[in-house]
């Protein structure tokens, strides 16, 4: 019984922790207000997305793959399909 309860708690915490690890969108203003707290780890792009939420999800996923905690959108275009570019950062 203790083992089953422990596994349930571990799975629940794992699910919560996994969602908490996704890179977050950071506004340019928020970045500029505290830019000395971040180090750039790369640049990412997305294209061919049909909804802003899909583009945001794709950018977050790519930022995670680079080891970033945050991303700041530097350009976006919505001609036919969504294209976006973002810089990826993590805290120093």
PDB file of N, CA and C in Angstrom:
ATOM      1  N   UNK A   1       0.828  -1.192   0.000  1.00  0.00           N
ATOM      2  CA  UNK A   1       0.000   0.000   0.000  1.00  0.00           C
ATOM      3  C   UNK A   1       0.876   1.261   0.000  1.00  0.00           C
ATOM      4  N   UNK A   2       1.923   1.251   0.814  1.00  0.00           N
ATOM      5  CA  UNK A   2       2.807   2.417   0.859  1.00  0.00           C
ATOM      6  C   UNK A   2       3.513   2.629  -0.469  1.00  0.00           C
ATOM      7  N   UNK A   3       3.884   1.526  -1.117  1.00  0.00           N
ATOM      8  CA  UNK A   3       4.566   1.632  -2.408  1.00  0.00           C
ATOM      9  C   UNK A   3       3.631   2.224  -3.453  1.00  0.00           C
ATOM     10  N   UNK A   4       2.391   1.762  -3.513  1.00  0.00           N
ATOM     11  CA  UNK A   4       1.419   2.281  -4.482  1.00  0.00           C
ATOM     12  C   UNK A   4       1.151   3.758  -4.233  1.00  0.00           C
ATOM     13  N   UNK A   5       1.028   4.119  -2.978  1.00  0.00           N
ATOM     14  CA  UNK A   5       0.778   5.528  -2.634  1.00  0.00           C
ATOM     15  C   UNK A   5       1.988   6.382  -3.014  1.00  0.00           C
ATOM     16  N   UNK A   6       3.177   5.863  -2.769  1.00  0.00           N
ATOM     17  CA  UNK A   6       4.401   6.588  -3.123  1.00  0.00           C
ATOM     18  C   UNK A   6       4.537   6.777  -4.613  1.00  0.00           C
ATOM     19  N   UNK A   7       4.188   5.745  -5.374  1.00  0.00           N
ATOM     20  CA  UNK A   7       4.256   5.847  -6.833  1.00  0.00           C
ATOM     21  C   UNK A   7       3.258   6.873  -7.358  1.00  0.00           C
ATOM     22  N   UNK A   8       2.066   6.900  -6.777  1.00  0.00           N
ATOM     23  CA  UNK A   8       1.048   7.866  -7.188  1.00  0.00           C
ATOM     24  C   UNK A   8       1.531   9.292  -6.937  1.00  0.00           C
ATOM     25  N   UNK A   9       2.121   9.518  -5.763  1.00  0.00           N
ATOM     26  CA  UNK A   9       2.646  10.847  -5.435  1.00  0.00           C
ATOM     27  C   UNK A   9       3.771  11.213  -6.396  1.00  0.00           C
ATOM     28  N   UNK A  10       4.664  10.280  -6.681  1.00  0.00           N
ATOM     29  CA  UNK A  10       5.778  10.538  -7.594  1.00  0.00           C
ATOM     30  C   UNK A  10       5.286  10.875  -8.999  1.00  0.00           C
ATOM     31  N   UNK A  11       4.305  10.133  -9.484  1.00  0.00           N
ATOM     32  CA  UNK A  11       3.756  10.407 -10.819  1.00  0.00           C
ATOM     33  C   UNK A  11       3.076  11.763 -10.876  1.00  0.00           C
ATOM     34  N   UNK A  12       2.344  12.095  -9.828  1.00  0.00           N
ATOM     35  CA  UNK A  12       1.660  13.389  -9.780  1.00  0.00           C
ATOM     36  C   UNK A  12       2.667  14.529  -9.765  1.00  0.00           C
ATOM     37  N   UNK A  13       3.686  14.421  -8.926  1.00  0.00           N
ATOM     38  CA  UNK A  13       4.708  15.470  -8.868  1.00  0.00           C
ATOM     39  C   UNK A  13       5.478  15.555 -10.173  1.00  0.00           C
ATOM     40  N   UNK A  14       5.727  14.419 -10.787  1.00  0.00           N
ATOM     41  CA  UNK A  14       6.417  14.407 -12.073  1.00  0.00           C
ATOM     42  C   UNK A  14       5.631  15.128 -13.145  1.00  0.00           C
ATOM     43  N   UNK A  15       4.343  14.931 -13.165  1.00  0.00           N
ATOM     44  CA  UNK A  15       3.487  15.599 -14.153  1.00  0.00           C
ATOM     45  C   UNK A  15       3.477  17.102 -13.932  1.00  0.00           C
ATOM     46  N   UNK A  16       3.407  17.518 -12.688  1.00  0.00           N
ATOM     47  CA  UNK A  16       3.411  18.946 -12.361  1.00  0.00           C
ATOM     48  C   UNK A  16       4.765  19.542 -12.686  1.00  0.00           C
ATOM     49  N   UNK A  17       5.834  18.864 -12.335  1.00  0.00           N
ATOM     50  CA  UNK A  17       7.179  19.363 -12.593  1.00  0.00           C
ATOM     51  C   UNK A  17       7.442  19.478 -14.085  1.00  0.00           C
ATOM     52  N   UNK A  18       6.978  18.494 -14.869  1.00  0.00           N
ATOM     53  CA  UNK A  18       7.208  18.530 -16.305  1.00  0.00           C
ATOM     54  C   UNK A  18       6.566  19.760 -16.925  1.00  0.00           C
ATOM     55  N   UNK A  19       5.351  20.078 -16.554  1.00  0.00           N
ATOM     56  CA  UNK A  19       4.685  21.240 -17.135  1.00  0.00           C
ATOM     57  C   UNK A  19       5.328  22.533 -16.651  1.00  0.00           C
ATOM     58  N   UNK A  20       5.913  22.523 -15.471  1.00  0.00           N
ATOM     59  CA  UNK A  20       6.556  23.715 -14.943  1.00  0.00           C
ATOM     60  C   UNK A  20       7.890  23.980 -15.637  1.00  0.00           C
ATOM     61  N   UNK A  21       8.450  22.995 -16.309  1.00  0.00           N
ATOM     62  CA  UNK A  21       9.740  23.155 -16.954  1.00  0.00           C
ATOM     63  C   UNK A  21       9.652  23.752 -18.348  1.00  0.00           C
ATOM     64  N   UNK A  22       8.482  23.928 -18.887  1.00  0.00           N
ATOM     65  CA  UNK A  22       8.344  24.509 -20.216  1.00  0.00           C
ATOM     66  C   UNK A  22       8.826  25.951 -20.223  1.00  0.00           C
ATOM     67  N   UNK A  23       9.533  26.300 -21.293  1.00  0.00           N
ATOM     68  CA  UNK A  23      10.019  27.668 -21.429  1.00  0.00           C
ATOM     69  C   UNK A  23       8.831  28.627 -21.508  1.00  0.00           C
ATOM     70  N   UNK A  24       9.004  29.765 -20.896  1.00  0.00           N
ATOM     71  CA  UNK A  24       7.930  30.760 -20.832  1.00  0.00           C
ATOM     72  C   UNK A  24       8.188  31.916 -21.783  1.00  0.00           C
ATOM     73  N   UNK A  25       7.116  32.441 -22.342  1.00  0.00           N
ATOM     74  CA  UNK A  25       7.186  33.637 -23.163  1.00  0.00           C
ATOM     75  C   UNK A  25       7.461  34.818 -22.250  1.00  0.00           C
ATOM     76  N   UNK A  26       8.461  35.596 -22.596  1.00  0.00           N
ATOM     77  CA  UNK A  26       8.825  36.783 -21.837  1.00  0.00           C
ATOM     78  C   UNK A  26       8.656  37.981 -22.758  1.00  0.00           C
ATOM     79  N   UNK A  27       7.950  39.011 -22.304  1.00  0.00           N
ATOM     80  CA  UNK A  27       7.772  40.199 -23.148  1.00  0.00           C
ATOM     81  C   UNK A  27       9.094  40.943 -23.277  1.00  0.00           C
ATOM     82  N   UNK A  28       9.218  41.717 -24.341  1.00  0.00           N
ATOM     83  CA  UNK A  28      10.431  42.510 -24.533  1.00  0.00           C
ATOM     84  C   UNK A  28      10.626  43.489 -23.378  1.00  0.00           C
ATOM     85  N   UNK A  29       9.525  44.041 -22.892  1.00  0.00           N
ATOM     86  CA  UNK A  29       9.601  44.991 -21.790  1.00  0.00           C
ATOM     87  C   UNK A  29      10.120  44.324 -20.519  1.00  0.00           C
ATOM     88  N   UNK A  30       9.599  43.137 -20.214  1.00  0.00           N
ATOM     89  CA  UNK A  30      10.051  42.412 -19.016  1.00  0.00           C
ATOM     90  C   UNK A  30      11.515  42.032 -19.150  1.00  0.00           C
ATOM     91  N   UNK A  31      11.917  41.618 -20.340  1.00  0.00           N
ATOM     92  CA  UNK A  31      13.325  41.295 -20.567  1.00  0.00           C
ATOM     93  C   UNK A  31      14.191  42.536 -20.382  1.00  0.00           C
ATOM     94  N   UNK A  32      13.804  43.647 -21.010  1.00  0.00           N
ATOM     95  CA  UNK A  32      14.601  44.875 -20.921  1.00  0.00           C
ATOM     96  C   UNK A  32      14.711  45.395 -19.494  1.00  0.00           C
ATOM     97  N   UNK A  33      13.671  45.201 -18.691  1.00  0.00           N
ATOM     98  CA  UNK A  33      13.702  45.656 -17.302  1.00  0.00           C
ATOM     99  C   UNK A  33      14.706  44.882 -16.447  1.00  0.00           C
ATOM    100  N   UNK A  34      15.011  43.649 -16.841  1.00  0.00           N
ATOM    101  CA  UNK A  34      15.898  42.796 -16.031  1.00  0.00           C
ATOM    102  C   UNK A  34      16.903  42.038 -16.886  1.00  0.00           C
ATOM    103  N   UNK A  35      17.358  42.643 -17.984  1.00  0.00           N
ATOM    104  CA  UNK A  35      18.212  41.914 -18.936  1.00  0.00           C
ATOM    105  C   UNK A  35      19.525  41.433 -18.333  1.00  0.00           C
ATOM    106  N   UNK A  36      19.983  42.046 -17.251  1.00  0.00           N
ATOM    107  CA  UNK A  36      21.227  41.595 -16.625  1.00  0.00           C
ATOM    108  C   UNK A  36      21.072  40.253 -15.906  1.00  0.00           C
ATOM    109  N   UNK A  37      19.839  39.762 -15.758  1.00  0.00           N
ATOM    110  CA  UNK A  37      19.582  38.489 -15.088  1.00  0.00           C
ATOM    111  C   UNK A  37      19.577  37.300 -16.050  1.00  0.00           C
ATOM    112  N   UNK A  38      19.670  37.556 -17.370  1.00  0.00           N
ATOM    113  CA  UNK A  38      19.522  36.503 -18.360  1.00  0.00           C
ATOM    114  C   UNK A  38      20.764  36.355 -19.225  1.00  0.00           C
ATOM    115  N   UNK A  39      20.977  35.156 -19.718  1.00  0.00           N
ATOM    116  CA  UNK A  39      22.034  34.887 -20.682  1.00  0.00           C
ATOM    117  C   UNK A  39      21.383  34.217 -21.891  1.00  0.00           C
ATOM    118  N   UNK A  40      21.746  34.700 -23.078  1.00  0.00           N
ATOM    119  CA  UNK A  40      21.161  34.171 -24.313  1.00  0.00           C
ATOM    120  C   UNK A  40      21.785  32.810 -24.624  1.00  0.00           C
ATOM    121  N   UNK A  41      20.935  31.846 -24.970  1.00  0.00           N
ATOM    122  CA  UNK A  41      21.419  30.508 -25.308  1.00  0.00           C
ATOM    123  C   UNK A  41      21.152  30.141 -26.761  1.00  0.00           C
ATOM    124  N   UNK A  42      20.472  30.994 -27.507  1.00  0.00           N
ATOM    125  CA  UNK A  42      20.234  30.702 -28.919  1.00  0.00           C
ATOM    126  C   UNK A  42      19.059  31.451 -29.495  1.00  0.00           C
ATOM    127  N   UNK A  43      18.772  31.149 -30.747  1.00  0.00           N
ATOM    128  CA  UNK A  43      17.647  31.733 -31.475  1.00  0.00           C
ATOM    129  C   UNK A  43      16.851  30.592 -32.093  1.00  0.00           C
ATOM    130  N   UNK A  44      15.543  30.732 -32.088  1.00  0.00           N
ATOM    131  CA  UNK A  44      14.662  29.701 -32.629  1.00  0.00           C
ATOM    132  C   UNK A  44      13.676  30.325 -33.611  1.00  0.00           C
ATOM    133  N   UNK A  45      13.125  29.478 -34.482  1.00  0.00           N
ATOM    134  CA  UNK A  45      12.106  29.943 -35.420  1.00  0.00           C
ATOM    135  C   UNK A  45      11.011  28.895 -35.535  1.00  0.00           C
ATOM    136  N   UNK A  46       9.872  29.346 -35.977  1.00  0.00           N
ATOM    137  CA  UNK A  46       8.768  28.453 -36.300  1.00  0.00           C
ATOM    138  C   UNK A  46       8.098  28.997 -37.552  1.00  0.00           C
ATOM    139  N   UNK A  47       7.573  28.103 -38.351  1.00  0.00           N
ATOM    140  CA  UNK A  47       6.855  28.550 -39.549  1.00  0.00           C
ATOM    141  C   UNK A  47       5.840  27.489 -39.930  1.00  0.00           C
ATOM    142  N   UNK A  48       4.837  27.915 -40.646  1.00  0.00           N
ATOM    143  CA  UNK A  48       3.822  26.983 -41.111  1.00  0.00           C
ATOM    144  C   UNK A  48       2.726  26.701 -40.098  1.00  0.00           C
ATOM    145  N   UNK A  49       2.754  27.382 -38.971  1.00  0.00           N
ATOM    146  CA  UNK A  49       1.703  27.181 -37.969  1.00  0.00           C
ATOM    147  C   UNK A  49       0.452  27.923 -38.409  1.00  0.00           C
ATOM    148  N   UNK A  50      -0.716  27.401 -38.043  1.00  0.00           N
ATOM    149  CA  UNK A  50      -1.971  28.018 -38.481  1.00  0.00           C
ATOM    150  C   UNK A  50      -2.656  28.808 -37.375  1.00  0.00           C
ATOM    151  N   UNK A  51      -2.208  28.672 -36.136  1.00  0.00           N
ATOM    152  CA  UNK A  51      -2.815  29.401 -35.022  1.00  0.00           C
ATOM    153  C   UNK A  51      -1.711  29.958 -34.124  1.00  0.00           C
ATOM    154  N   UNK A  52      -1.929  31.141 -33.541  1.00  0.00           N
ATOM    155  CA  UNK A  52      -0.927  31.710 -32.637  1.00  0.00           C
ATOM    156  C   UNK A  52      -0.563  30.772 -31.480  1.00  0.00           C
ATOM    157  N   UNK A  53      -1.545  30.042 -30.968  1.00  0.00           N
ATOM    158  CA  UNK A  53      -1.261  29.127 -29.858  1.00  0.00           C
ATOM    159  C   UNK A  53      -0.331  28.000 -30.306  1.00  0.00           C
ATOM    160  N   UNK A  54      -0.477  27.556 -31.554  1.00  0.00           N
ATOM    161  CA  UNK A  54       0.417  26.523 -32.076  1.00  0.00           C
ATOM    162  C   UNK A  54       1.845  27.057 -32.212  1.00  0.00           C
ATOM    163  N   UNK A  55       1.968  28.289 -32.685  1.00  0.00           N
ATOM    164  CA  UNK A  55       3.294  28.898 -32.830  1.00  0.00           C
ATOM    165  C   UNK A  55       3.943  29.072 -31.456  1.00  0.00           C
ATOM    166  N   UNK A  56       3.166  29.508 -30.479  1.00  0.00           N
ATOM    167  CA  UNK A  56       3.691  29.690 -29.123  1.00  0.00           C
ATOM    168  C   UNK A  56       4.158  28.354 -28.554  1.00  0.00           C
ATOM    169  N   UNK A  57       3.376  27.313 -28.748  1.00  0.00           N
ATOM    170  CA  UNK A  57       3.727  25.981 -28.257  1.00  0.00           C
ATOM    171  C   UNK A  57       5.004  25.472 -28.930  1.00  0.00           C
ATOM    172  N   UNK A  58       5.120  25.690 -30.225  1.00  0.00           N
ATOM    173  CA  UNK A  58       6.304  25.250 -30.967  1.00  0.00           C
ATOM    174  C   UNK A  58       7.553  26.004 -30.505  1.00  0.00           C
ATOM    175  N   UNK A  59       7.433  27.319 -30.306  1.00  0.00           N
ATOM    176  CA  UNK A  59       8.576  28.094 -29.825  1.00  0.00           C
ATOM    177  C   UNK A  59       8.993  27.638 -28.427  1.00  0.00           C
ATOM    178  N   UNK A  60       8.028  27.392 -27.567  1.00  0.00           N
ATOM    179  CA  UNK A  60       8.332  26.923 -26.214  1.00  0.00           C
ATOM    180  C   UNK A  60       9.056  25.583 -26.253  1.00  0.00           C
ATOM    181  N   UNK A  61       8.594  24.692 -27.105  1.00  0.00           N
ATOM    182  CA  UNK A  61       9.220  23.370 -27.245  1.00  0.00           C
ATOM    183  C   UNK A  61      10.666  23.503 -27.722  1.00  0.00           C
ATOM    184  N   UNK A  62      10.887  24.347 -28.721  1.00  0.00           N
ATOM    185  CA  UNK A  62      12.238  24.537 -29.241  1.00  0.00           C
ATOM    186  C   UNK A  62      13.151  25.203 -28.214  1.00  0.00           C
ATOM    187  N   UNK A  63      12.600  26.128 -27.422  1.00  0.00           N
ATOM    188  CA  UNK A  63      13.387  26.765 -26.362  1.00  0.00           C
ATOM    189  C   UNK A  63      13.786  25.729 -25.316  1.00  0.00           C
ATOM    190  N   UNK A  64      12.869  24.830 -24.981  1.00  0.00           N
ATOM    191  CA  UNK A  64      13.175  23.745 -24.046  1.00  0.00           C
ATOM    192  C   UNK A  64      14.332  22.895 -24.567  1.00  0.00           C
ATOM    193  N   UNK A  65      14.300  22.585 -25.851  1.00  0.00           N
ATOM    194  CA  UNK A  65      15.341  21.749 -26.450  1.00  0.00           C
ATOM    195  C   UNK A  65      16.713  22.409 -26.373  1.00  0.00           C
ATOM    196  N   UNK A  66      16.754  23.749 -26.360  1.00  0.00           N
ATOM    197  CA  UNK A  66      18.014  24.472 -26.231  1.00  0.00           C
ATOM    198  C   UNK A  66      18.443  24.634 -24.774  1.00  0.00           C
ATOM    199  N   UNK A  67      17.589  24.224 -23.853  1.00  0.00           N
ATOM    200  CA  UNK A  67      17.903  24.384 -22.435  1.00  0.00           C
ATOM    201  C   UNK A  67      17.516  25.741 -21.881  1.00  0.00           C
ATOM    202  N   UNK A  68      16.680  26.469 -22.617  1.00  0.00           N
ATOM    203  CA  UNK A  68      16.258  27.795 -22.170  1.00  0.00           C
ATOM    204  C   UNK A  68      15.064  27.740 -21.242  1.00  0.00           C
ATOM    205  N   UNK A  69      14.931  28.777 -20.438  1.00  0.00           N
ATOM    206  CA  UNK A  69      13.797  28.914 -19.534  1.00  0.00           C
ATOM    207  C   UNK A  69      12.781  29.915 -20.064  1.00  0.00           C
ATOM    208  N   UNK A  70      13.243  30.835 -20.894  1.00  0.00           N
ATOM    209  CA  UNK A  70      12.411  31.914 -21.399  1.00  0.00           C
ATOM    210  C   UNK A  70      12.713  32.143 -22.872  1.00  0.00           C
ATOM    211  N   UNK A  71      11.737  32.712 -23.590  1.00  0.00           N
ATOM    212  CA  UNK A  71      11.989  33.141 -24.956  1.00  0.00           C
ATOM    213  C   UNK A  71      11.282  34.469 -25.186  1.00  0.00           C
ATOM    214  N   UNK A  72      11.920  35.303 -26.010  1.00  0.00           N
ATOM    215  CA  UNK A  72      11.395  36.627 -26.342  1.00  0.00           C
ATOM    216  C   UNK A  72      11.198  36.680 -27.850  1.00  0.00           C
ATOM    217  N   UNK A  73       9.965  36.890 -28.289  1.00  0.00           N
ATOM    218  CA  UNK A  73       9.669  36.953 -29.717  1.00  0.00           C
ATOM    219  C   UNK A  73      10.300  38.213 -30.296  1.00  0.00           C
ATOM    220  N   UNK A  74      11.093  38.025 -31.344  1.00  0.00           N
ATOM    221  CA  UNK A  74      11.768  39.154 -31.977  1.00  0.00           C
ATOM    222  C   UNK A  74      11.123  39.547 -33.295  1.00  0.00           C
ATOM    223  N   UNK A  75      10.389  38.610 -33.918  1.00  0.00           N
ATOM    224  CA  UNK A  75       9.645  38.950 -35.133  1.00  0.00           C
ATOM    225  C   UNK A  75       8.533  37.943 -35.329  1.00  0.00           C
ATOM    226  N   UNK A  76       7.495  38.406 -36.007  1.00  0.00           N
ATOM    227  CA  UNK A  76       6.358  37.532 -36.313  1.00  0.00           C
ATOM    228  C   UNK A  76       5.696  38.022 -37.587  1.00  0.00           C
ATOM    229  N   UNK A  77       5.197  37.074 -38.359  1.00  0.00           N
ATOM    230  CA  UNK A  77       4.522  37.387 -39.608  1.00  0.00           C
ATOM    231  C   UNK A  77       3.327  36.455 -39.727  1.00  0.00           C
ATOM    232  N   UNK A  78       2.193  36.995 -40.121  1.00  0.00           N
ATOM    233  CA  UNK A  78       0.984  36.177 -40.228  1.00  0.00           C
ATOM    234  C   UNK A  78       0.458  36.114 -41.654  1.00  0.00           C
ATOM    235  N   UNK A  79       1.327  36.289 -42.627  1.00  0.00           N
ATOM    236  CA  UNK A  79       0.903  36.193 -44.018  1.00  0.00           C
ATOM    237  C   UNK A  79       0.646  34.725 -44.360  1.00  0.00           C
ATOM    238  N   UNK A  80      -0.583  34.363 -44.570  1.00  0.00           N
ATOM    239  CA  UNK A  80      -1.052  33.000 -44.830  1.00  0.00           C
ATOM    240  C   UNK A  80      -0.860  32.082 -43.628  1.00  0.00           C
ATOM    241  N   UNK A  81       0.361  31.846 -43.212  1.00  0.00           N
ATOM    242  CA  UNK A  81       0.651  31.018 -42.046  1.00  0.00           C
ATOM    243  C   UNK A  81       1.555  31.807 -41.113  1.00  0.00           C
ATOM    244  N   UNK A  82       1.622  31.383 -39.871  1.00  0.00           N
ATOM    245  CA  UNK A  82       2.381  32.132 -38.873  1.00  0.00           C
ATOM    246  C   UNK A  82       3.856  31.738 -38.918  1.00  0.00           C
ATOM    247  N   UNK A  83       4.702  32.739 -38.930  1.00  0.00           N
ATOM    248  CA  UNK A  83       6.149  32.556 -38.849  1.00  0.00           C
ATOM    249  C   UNK A  83       6.637  33.424 -37.699  1.00  0.00           C
ATOM    250  N   UNK A  84       7.489  32.888 -36.858  1.00  0.00           N
ATOM    251  CA  UNK A  84       8.011  33.661 -35.739  1.00  0.00           C
ATOM    252  C   UNK A  84       9.456  33.328 -35.450  1.00  0.00           C
ATOM    253  N   UNK A  85      10.154  34.311 -34.908  1.00  0.00           N
ATOM    254  CA  UNK A  85      11.541  34.147 -34.484  1.00  0.00           C
ATOM    255  C   UNK A  85      11.631  34.631 -33.049  1.00  0.00           C
ATOM    256  N   UNK A  86      12.441  33.942 -32.242  1.00  0.00           N
ATOM    257  CA  UNK A  86      12.579  34.331 -30.842  1.00  0.00           C
ATOM    258  C   UNK A  86      13.994  34.045 -30.359  1.00  0.00           C
ATOM    259  N   UNK A  87      14.456  34.869 -29.428  1.00  0.00           N
ATOM    260  CA  UNK A  87      15.717  34.618 -28.741  1.00  0.00           C
ATOM    261  C   UNK A  87      15.404  33.839 -27.481  1.00  0.00           C
ATOM    262  N   UNK A  88      16.285  32.894 -27.133  1.00  0.00           N
ATOM    263  CA  UNK A  88      16.080  32.030 -25.978  1.00  0.00           C
ATOM    264  C   UNK A  88      17.065  32.408 -24.891  1.00  0.00           C
ATOM    265  N   UNK A  89      16.584  32.484 -23.647  1.00  0.00           N
ATOM    266  CA  UNK A  89      17.410  32.884 -22.505  1.00  0.00           C
ATOM    267  C   UNK A  89      17.216  31.935 -21.333  1.00  0.00           C
ATOM    268  N   UNK A  90      18.207  31.938 -20.464  1.00  0.00           N
ATOM    269  CA  UNK A  90      18.061  31.296 -19.169  1.00  0.00           C
ATOM    270  C   UNK A  90      18.636  32.246 -18.135  1.00  0.00           C
ATOM    271  N   UNK A  91      18.247  32.059 -16.886  1.00  0.00           N
ATOM    272  CA  UNK A  91      18.757  32.924 -15.830  1.00  0.00           C
ATOM    273  C   UNK A  91      20.218  32.616 -15.576  1.00  0.00           C
ATOM    274  N   UNK A  92      20.979  33.658 -15.253  1.00  0.00           N
ATOM    275  CA  UNK A  92      22.415  33.494 -14.956  1.00  0.00           C
ATOM    276  C   UNK A  92      22.610  32.695 -13.689  1.00  0.00           C
TER     277      UNK A  92
END
